[in-house]
């Protein structure tokens, strides 16, 4: 099957418009042929043959329209054969010499050109020119069977014949050229789409790799580097306390589990200009010693890249405060989104304290106010502290999910 036929079956919008245009011309030219046959019916010498040919053509066109027969190569060539027959019949149904004399309208009129258009649209320039050639032969035969051999035609009769031949060749060849242009454009569009898909897939793989690399770097590799550094420091001492070695072992164990979780997790596409909240939380917890830090984000939350530095610093300050002052056994960092805001909560089970901003200012303890609350408010967010002696502490940060709320 020619390549053009396989492309035709894909039913591109441009080709469908082409087929509909040819179908409209087919029915208009058939209606004109039928109208002229009715008006000049008394001049036909073989009325039965004329109307039988019209009836056959009508039934064929109905079947072609209903079944979209033009999409099948065999049907297109059968259609061409029917038009060839109409041209020959045109020389049989009128008096001898009537075809070239112009005493009656040419029976087939312009209808046979629809077959050249159909063949050209379906199979390209070559098929269109073949269709034009066959129709031209049929046109010449219409003169022959009507008693006007081609060799005996006068100059004006030759001009009329050549005019019909040019008409058929132009219809088939031009439509074939249009069809090939549509096919080439369709192929180029498919190639461009396939290349775009391949580029997107490559970009997605690179983004996944970069995302995983950042997460490993932010959470695991840096912690392992700290383990290595701390182990070297301990190794230089004459004796090492057991609790120090136990702490290193626990840190290495946590990072091993974190690495396994990262490698097993399914990477998600990263929106442009966004950073995963999990990455921010893990980066904030890096290097915090003296207390286990549990990172617990809920689902996938994307943070504007412009918020990362300030939010990371605020969370880090909250974790260091818990490690240095809370005497807690652990601290948990939660991350979620709520009503257009990103919510980060740092909770510990330590000794707690009375949170009084005025007292903190008077005492010069500005870590909470500047390093945490000030940073969050600069992002257009807010900070709340829930604590009491003996009941632990929870610090909640809320920042807008969209940038633009900076003070």
Protein backbone atom coordinates (compact mmCIF):
# COMPACT_ATOMS: atom_id res chain seq x y z
CA UNK A 1 0.00 0.00 0.00
CA UNK A 2 1.47 3.45 -0.84
CA UNK A 3 2.67 5.54 2.05
CA UNK A 4 0.09 8.21 1.24
CA UNK A 5 -2.72 5.69 1.77
CA UNK A 6 -1.48 4.76 5.26
CA UNK A 7 -1.28 8.42 6.19
CA UNK A 8 -4.78 9.01 4.79
CA UNK A 9 -6.19 6.52 7.29
CA UNK A 10 -4.97 8.64 10.16
CA UNK A 11 -7.61 11.21 9.20
CA UNK A 12 -5.73 14.42 9.73
CA UNK A 13 -8.03 17.45 9.98
CA UNK A 14 -6.59 19.01 6.80
CA UNK A 15 -7.14 15.86 4.76
CA UNK A 16 -10.68 15.49 6.05
CA UNK A 17 -11.42 19.02 4.84
CA UNK A 18 -9.99 18.05 1.44
CA UNK A 19 -12.23 14.98 1.19
CA UNK A 20 -15.30 16.99 2.18
CA UNK A 21 -14.53 19.56 -0.52
CA UNK A 22 -14.21 16.84 -3.17
CA UNK A 23 -17.45 15.23 -1.95
CA UNK A 24 -19.29 18.54 -2.24
CA UNK A 25 -17.98 19.01 -5.80
CA UNK A 26 -18.97 15.42 -6.62
CA UNK A 27 -22.60 15.98 -5.67
CA UNK A 28 -22.84 19.42 -7.28
CA UNK A 29 -21.41 18.16 -10.59
CA UNK A 30 -23.65 15.08 -10.46
CA UNK A 31 -26.70 17.28 -9.84
CA UNK A 32 -25.72 19.44 -12.83
CA UNK A 33 -25.25 16.36 -15.05
CA UNK A 34 -28.68 15.07 -14.01
CA UNK A 35 -30.32 18.47 -14.58
CA UNK A 36 -28.91 18.78 -18.12
CA UNK A 37 -29.92 15.20 -18.91
CA UNK A 38 -33.48 15.99 -17.91
CA UNK A 39 -33.63 19.25 -19.86
CA UNK A 40 -32.25 17.65 -23.06
CA UNK A 41 -33.91 14.24 -22.61
CA UNK A 42 -35.77 14.56 -25.91
CA UNK A 43 -32.47 14.89 -27.77
CA UNK A 44 -31.07 11.59 -26.52
CA UNK A 45 -31.16 8.67 -28.92
CA UNK A 46 -30.78 6.15 -26.11
CA UNK A 47 -32.69 7.46 -23.13
CA UNK A 48 -32.67 4.16 -21.29
CA UNK A 49 -28.89 3.95 -21.38
CA UNK A 50 -28.53 7.57 -20.28
CA UNK A 51 -30.81 7.20 -17.28
CA UNK A 52 -29.36 3.83 -16.37
CA UNK A 53 -25.92 5.44 -16.27
CA UNK A 54 -27.24 8.28 -14.10
CA UNK A 55 -29.00 5.83 -11.75
CA UNK A 56 -25.84 3.73 -11.38
CA UNK A 57 -23.80 6.85 -10.67
CA UNK A 58 -26.36 8.07 -8.11
CA UNK A 59 -26.33 4.76 -6.24
CA UNK A 60 -22.54 4.66 -6.35
CA UNK A 61 -22.26 8.18 -4.90
CA UNK A 62 -24.68 7.38 -2.11
CA UNK A 63 -22.65 4.30 -1.20
CA UNK A 64 -19.38 6.26 -1.40
CA UNK A 65 -20.77 8.97 0.87
CA UNK A 66 -22.21 6.61 3.48
CA UNK A 67 -19.21 4.28 3.68
CA UNK A 68 -16.49 6.90 3.07
CA UNK A 69 -15.36 4.67 0.25
CA UNK A 70 -12.81 7.21 -1.01
CA UNK A 71 -10.50 6.12 1.81
CA UNK A 72 -9.99 2.70 0.13
CA UNK A 73 -7.67 2.47 -2.91
CA UNK A 74 -9.76 -0.17 -4.74
CA UNK A 75 -12.91 1.93 -4.42
CA UNK A 76 -11.11 4.96 -5.85
CA UNK A 77 -10.09 3.04 -8.98
CA UNK A 78 -13.61 1.62 -9.39
CA UNK A 79 -14.90 5.17 -9.17
CA UNK A 80 -12.46 6.13 -11.93
CA UNK A 81 -13.76 3.26 -14.08
CA UNK A 82 -17.35 4.49 -13.63
CA UNK A 83 -16.37 7.99 -14.74
CA UNK A 84 -14.53 6.48 -17.73
CA UNK A 85 -17.73 4.66 -18.62
CA UNK A 86 -19.76 7.88 -18.37
CA UNK A 87 -17.42 9.54 -20.84
CA UNK A 88 -17.87 6.71 -23.34
CA UNK A 89 -21.65 6.68 -22.81
CA UNK A 90 -21.66 10.42 -23.58
CA UNK A 91 -20.79 9.55 -27.19
CA UNK A 92 -23.40 6.81 -27.45
CA UNK A 93 -26.57 8.49 -26.13
CA UNK A 94 -26.67 11.35 -28.68
CA UNK A 95 -26.89 11.51 -32.48
CA UNK A 96 -23.73 10.93 -34.47
CA UNK A 97 -21.57 14.02 -34.42
CA UNK A 98 -23.55 15.53 -31.57
CA UNK A 99 -20.60 15.48 -29.16
CA UNK A 100 -18.39 17.74 -31.26
CA UNK A 101 -21.16 19.82 -32.83
CA UNK A 102 -22.34 21.24 -29.52
CA UNK A 103 -25.99 20.74 -30.46
CA UNK A 104 -26.61 19.18 -27.05
CA UNK A 105 -24.63 19.55 -23.78
CA UNK A 106 -21.97 16.95 -23.19
CA UNK A 107 -23.69 14.21 -21.20
CA UNK A 108 -21.02 13.59 -18.53
CA UNK A 109 -20.32 17.35 -18.11
CA UNK A 110 -17.67 18.03 -15.45
CA UNK A 111 -18.53 15.04 -13.26
CA UNK A 112 -15.64 12.70 -14.31
CA UNK A 113 -13.12 15.20 -12.93
CA UNK A 114 -14.27 14.18 -9.44
CA UNK A 115 -12.63 10.78 -9.97
CA UNK A 116 -9.31 12.42 -10.89
CA UNK A 117 -9.57 14.55 -7.77
CA UNK A 118 -10.35 11.51 -5.62
CA UNK A 119 -7.49 9.39 -6.95
CA UNK A 120 -5.02 12.27 -6.65
CA UNK A 121 -6.08 13.11 -3.10
CA UNK A 122 -5.83 9.48 -2.05
CA UNK A 123 -2.54 8.43 -3.64
CA UNK A 124 -0.57 11.47 -4.73
CA UNK A 125 0.57 13.16 -7.94
CA UNK A 126 1.43 9.97 -9.85
CA UNK A 127 -1.96 8.40 -9.27
CA UNK A 128 -3.67 11.69 -10.09
CA UNK A 129 -1.88 11.91 -13.45
CA UNK A 130 -2.76 8.28 -14.23
CA UNK A 131 -6.38 9.11 -13.46
CA UNK A 132 -6.18 12.14 -15.75
CA UNK A 133 -4.70 9.96 -18.51
CA UNK A 134 -7.49 7.37 -18.28
CA UNK A 135 -10.18 10.03 -18.31
CA UNK A 136 -8.52 11.69 -21.30
CA UNK A 137 -8.66 8.37 -23.15
CA UNK A 138 -12.34 8.09 -22.25
CA UNK A 139 -12.91 11.62 -23.54
CA UNK A 140 -11.25 10.75 -26.86
CA UNK A 141 -13.31 7.56 -27.10
CA UNK A 142 -16.50 9.57 -26.62
CA UNK A 143 -15.66 11.27 -29.96
CA UNK A 144 -14.76 7.98 -31.61
CA UNK A 145 -18.01 6.16 -30.69
CA UNK A 146 -19.99 9.26 -31.68
CA UNK A 147 -18.70 9.02 -35.26
CA UNK A 148 -16.07 11.76 -34.93
CA UNK A 149 -12.61 10.09 -35.02
CA UNK A 150 -9.89 12.10 -33.35
CA UNK A 151 -7.85 12.22 -36.56
CA UNK A 152 -10.75 13.96 -38.38
CA UNK A 153 -11.49 16.64 -35.78
CA UNK A 154 -11.42 20.26 -36.81
CA UNK A 155 -9.20 22.85 -35.08
CA UNK A 156 -11.91 24.11 -32.69
CA UNK A 157 -12.92 20.50 -31.96
CA UNK A 158 -9.30 19.67 -31.17
CA UNK A 159 -9.15 22.68 -28.87
CA UNK A 160 -12.24 21.45 -27.07
CA UNK A 161 -10.73 17.97 -26.65
CA UNK A 162 -7.38 19.30 -25.44
CA UNK A 163 -9.20 21.60 -23.05
CA UNK A 164 -10.87 18.55 -21.47
CA UNK A 165 -7.58 16.66 -21.31
CA UNK A 166 -5.84 19.57 -19.56
CA UNK A 167 -8.79 19.82 -17.20
CA UNK A 168 -8.49 16.16 -16.16
CA UNK A 169 -4.72 16.23 -15.85
CA UNK A 170 -4.82 19.43 -13.82
CA UNK A 171 -7.48 18.06 -11.49
CA UNK A 172 -5.61 14.82 -10.79
CA UNK A 173 -2.10 16.28 -10.67
CA UNK A 174 -2.91 19.38 -8.61
CA UNK A 175 -4.95 17.41 -6.09
CA UNK A 176 -2.16 14.84 -5.86
CA UNK A 177 0.33 17.64 -5.14
CA UNK A 178 -1.92 19.08 -2.43
CA UNK A 179 -2.26 15.61 -0.94
CA UNK A 180 1.49 15.10 -0.83
CA UNK A 181 2.01 18.49 0.79
CA UNK A 182 -0.53 17.55 3.45
CA UNK A 183 1.20 14.20 3.97
CA UNK A 184 4.61 15.83 4.26
CA UNK A 185 3.27 18.42 6.68
CA UNK A 186 1.60 15.68 8.72
CA UNK A 187 4.82 13.68 8.86
CA UNK A 188 6.82 16.73 9.89
CA UNK A 189 4.26 17.51 12.58
CA UNK A 190 4.42 13.94 13.88
CA UNK A 191 8.22 14.04 13.87
CA UNK A 192 8.15 17.35 15.74
CA UNK A 193 5.69 15.97 18.29
CA UNK A 194 7.76 12.83 18.79
CA UNK A 195 10.91 14.91 19.23
CA UNK A 196 9.12 17.18 21.70
CA UNK A 197 7.92 14.14 23.67
CA UNK A 198 11.44 12.70 23.68
CA UNK A 199 12.85 16.03 24.85
CA UNK A 200 10.26 16.24 27.63
CA UNK A 201 11.08 12.69 28.71
CA UNK A 202 14.81 13.48 28.77
CA UNK A 203 14.16 16.68 30.71
CA UNK A 204 11.94 14.78 33.16
CA UNK A 205 14.65 12.15 33.71
CA UNK A 206 17.26 14.86 34.28
CA UNK A 207 14.92 16.70 36.66
CA UNK A 208 14.26 13.48 38.59
CA UNK A 209 17.98 12.79 38.80
CA UNK A 210 18.73 16.35 39.91
CA UNK A 211 15.90 16.28 42.44
CA UNK A 212 17.11 13.00 43.91
CA UNK A 213 20.68 14.30 43.93
CA UNK A 214 19.67 17.43 45.80
CA UNK A 215 17.72 15.42 48.34
CA UNK A 216 20.62 13.03 48.91
CA UNK A 217 23.06 15.92 49.13
CA UNK A 218 20.90 17.96 51.49
CA UNK A 219 19.96 15.17 53.85
CA UNK A 220 22.36 12.24 53.63
CA UNK A 221 25.72 13.13 52.18
CA UNK A 222 26.21 16.16 54.39
CA UNK A 223 25.23 14.17 57.47
CA UNK A 224 27.63 11.39 56.52
CA UNK A 225 30.34 13.99 56.06
CA UNK A 226 29.65 15.18 59.59
CA UNK A 227 29.82 11.58 60.85
CA UNK A 228 33.19 11.20 59.13
CA UNK A 229 34.50 14.47 60.59
CA UNK A 230 33.25 13.65 64.08
CA UNK A 231 34.68 10.13 63.89
CA UNK A 232 38.10 11.54 62.98
CA UNK A 233 37.95 13.91 65.92
CA UNK A 234 37.05 11.10 68.28
CA UNK A 235 39.73 8.89 66.78
CA UNK A 236 42.41 11.42 67.69
CA UNK A 237 41.51 11.15 71.38
CA UNK A 238 43.19 8.61 73.67
CA UNK A 239 39.80 7.40 74.86
CA UNK A 240 36.30 7.82 73.48
CA UNK A 241 33.15 7.92 75.63
CA UNK A 242 30.65 5.21 74.73
CA UNK A 243 27.77 7.66 74.40
CA UNK A 244 29.71 9.61 71.75
CA UNK A 245 30.20 6.50 69.63
CA UNK A 246 26.59 5.52 70.20
CA UNK A 247 25.47 8.93 68.93
CA UNK A 248 27.56 8.53 65.78
CA UNK A 249 26.15 5.06 65.20
CA UNK A 250 22.58 6.33 65.58
CA UNK A 251 23.21 9.20 63.17
CA UNK A 252 24.72 6.84 60.59
CA UNK A 253 21.76 4.48 61.04
CA UNK A 254 19.27 7.31 60.51
CA UNK A 255 21.03 8.44 57.36
CA UNK A 256 21.17 4.89 56.02
CA UNK A 257 17.43 4.56 56.47
CA UNK A 258 16.89 8.00 54.93
CA UNK A 259 18.99 7.05 51.90
CA UNK A 260 17.04 3.84 51.40
CA UNK A 261 13.78 5.76 51.61
CA UNK A 262 15.01 8.29 49.03
CA UNK A 263 16.10 5.59 46.60
CA UNK A 264 12.79 3.75 46.95
CA UNK A 265 10.60 6.84 46.67
CA UNK A 266 8.94 7.70 43.36
CA UNK A 267 10.25 11.06 42.15
CA UNK A 268 7.58 13.57 41.18
CA UNK A 269 7.88 16.22 38.46
CA UNK A 270 9.12 19.46 39.96
CA UNK A 271 7.16 22.58 38.97
CA UNK A 272 9.20 25.45 37.61
CA UNK A 273 10.40 27.77 40.37
CA UNK A 274 9.37 25.41 43.16
CA UNK A 275 11.24 23.33 45.74
CA UNK A 276 9.94 20.33 47.63
CA UNK A 277 9.07 21.11 51.24
CA UNK A 278 10.60 17.77 52.24
CA UNK A 279 13.94 18.95 50.85
CA UNK A 280 13.68 22.16 52.88
CA UNK A 281 12.87 20.28 56.07
CA UNK A 282 15.70 17.80 55.56
CA UNK A 283 18.15 20.60 54.82
CA UNK A 284 17.03 22.43 57.96
CA UNK A 285 17.65 19.34 60.10
CA UNK A 286 21.11 18.67 58.70
CA UNK A 287 23.85 18.91 61.32
CA UNK A 288 21.53 19.28 64.29
CA UNK A 289 23.20 17.21 67.03
CA UNK A 290 22.25 16.17 70.52
CA UNK A 291 18.66 15.28 69.71
CA UNK A 292 16.95 12.99 67.18
CA UNK A 293 15.05 14.94 64.52
CA UNK A 294 12.11 13.26 62.81
CA UNK A 295 10.99 14.74 59.48
CA UNK A 296 7.32 14.12 58.73
CA UNK A 297 5.89 16.03 55.74
CA UNK A 298 2.33 15.17 54.74
CA UNK A 299 2.21 14.42 51.02
CA UNK A 300 4.07 16.43 48.42
CA UNK A 301 4.13 20.16 49.03
CA UNK A 302 5.90 22.61 46.71
CA UNK A 303 7.45 25.75 48.13
CA UNK A 304 8.30 28.89 46.11
CA UNK A 305 12.07 28.97 45.57
CA UNK A 306 12.17 32.52 46.96
CA UNK A 307 10.94 31.26 50.35
CA UNK A 308 13.57 28.55 50.80
CA UNK A 309 16.40 30.45 52.50
CA UNK A 310 14.31 32.29 55.08
CA UNK A 311 12.10 29.32 55.96
CA UNK A 312 15.11 26.99 56.22
CA UNK A 313 16.88 29.40 58.57
CA UNK A 314 13.80 29.80 60.77
CA UNK A 315 13.27 26.03 61.07
CA UNK A 316 16.96 25.51 61.75
CA UNK A 317 16.84 28.05 64.58
CA UNK A 318 13.83 26.29 66.12
CA UNK A 319 15.63 22.94 65.99
CA UNK A 320 18.83 24.33 67.52
CA UNK A 321 16.81 25.93 70.32
CA UNK A 322 15.18 22.57 71.02
CA UNK A 323 18.57 20.82 71.00
CA UNK A 324 20.28 23.41 73.21
CA UNK A 325 17.58 24.36 75.74
CA UNK A 326 14.59 21.98 75.70
CA UNK A 327 16.28 18.87 77.20
CA UNK A 328 13.95 16.91 74.93
CA UNK A 329 14.27 13.26 73.90
CA UNK A 330 13.24 14.02 70.34
CA UNK A 331 11.87 16.74 68.07
CA UNK A 332 9.46 16.23 65.19
CA UNK A 333 9.06 18.52 62.19
CA UNK A 334 5.71 18.38 60.39
CA UNK A 335 5.01 19.95 56.99
CA UNK A 336 1.67 20.41 55.27
CA UNK A 337 -0.44 22.89 53.33
CA UNK A 338 -3.62 24.50 54.55
CA UNK A 339 -5.86 27.06 52.89
CA UNK A 340 -3.22 28.49 50.58
CA UNK A 341 -0.47 28.43 53.18
CA UNK A 342 2.47 26.16 53.89
CA UNK A 343 2.45 25.08 57.52
CA UNK A 344 5.58 23.84 59.29
CA UNK A 345 5.36 22.73 62.91
CA UNK A 346 8.42 22.00 65.11
CA UNK A 347 7.41 20.02 68.22
CA UNK A 348 9.56 18.76 71.08
CA UNK A 349 8.78 16.92 74.32
CA UNK A 350 11.15 19.03 76.40
CA UNK A 351 10.78 21.17 79.49
CA UNK A 352 8.85 23.95 77.80
CA UNK A 353 8.82 27.63 78.81
CA UNK A 354 6.69 30.70 79.18
CA UNK A 355 6.65 32.49 75.83
CA UNK A 356 6.65 36.26 76.40
CA UNK A 357 7.92 38.41 73.55
CA UNK A 358 8.37 41.55 75.70
CA UNK A 359 10.43 39.61 78.23
CA UNK A 360 12.57 38.15 75.46
CA UNK A 361 13.29 41.62 74.11
CA UNK A 362 14.24 42.97 77.53
CA UNK A 363 16.56 40.02 78.13
CA UNK A 364 18.16 40.45 74.69
CA UNK A 365 17.15 36.93 73.60
CA UNK A 366 16.35 37.76 70.05
CA UNK A 367 16.85 34.34 68.44
CA UNK A 368 13.14 33.62 68.50
CA UNK A 369 12.05 37.10 67.48
CA UNK A 370 14.54 37.85 64.72
CA UNK A 371 15.85 34.53 63.47
CA UNK A 372 12.43 32.95 63.44
CA UNK A 373 9.48 35.32 63.66
CA UNK A 374 11.16 38.13 61.73
CA UNK A 375 12.15 35.87 58.86
CA UNK A 376 8.67 34.36 58.58
CA UNK A 377 6.94 37.73 58.69
CA UNK A 378 9.28 38.97 55.96
CA UNK A 379 7.76 36.27 53.77
CA UNK A 380 4.27 37.52 54.55
CA UNK A 381 3.64 34.71 57.02
CA UNK A 382 3.16 34.32 60.74
CA UNK A 383 4.61 32.39 63.69
CA UNK A 384 2.85 30.97 66.73
CA UNK A 385 4.47 29.49 69.83
CA UNK A 386 2.59 27.03 72.06
CA UNK A 387 4.53 26.13 75.19
CA UNK A 388 4.30 25.86 78.94
CA UNK A 389 6.72 24.64 81.61
CA UNK A 390 6.84 20.85 81.63
CA UNK A 391 4.64 20.47 78.54
CA UNK A 392 7.09 20.77 75.67
CA UNK A 393 7.05 23.34 72.88
CA UNK A 394 5.44 23.64 69.50
CA UNK A 395 6.46 26.39 67.06
CA UNK A 396 4.22 26.80 64.04
CA UNK A 397 5.29 28.68 60.91
CA UNK A 398 2.80 29.70 58.23
CA UNK A 399 3.93 31.20 54.93
CA UNK A 400 1.96 31.83 51.73
CA UNK A 401 2.27 29.19 48.98
CA UNK A 402 2.71 31.92 46.36
CA UNK A 403 5.47 34.49 46.27
CA UNK A 404 4.64 38.17 46.53
CA UNK A 405 3.84 38.42 50.20
CA UNK A 406 7.30 39.68 51.23
CA UNK A 407 7.43 42.76 53.37
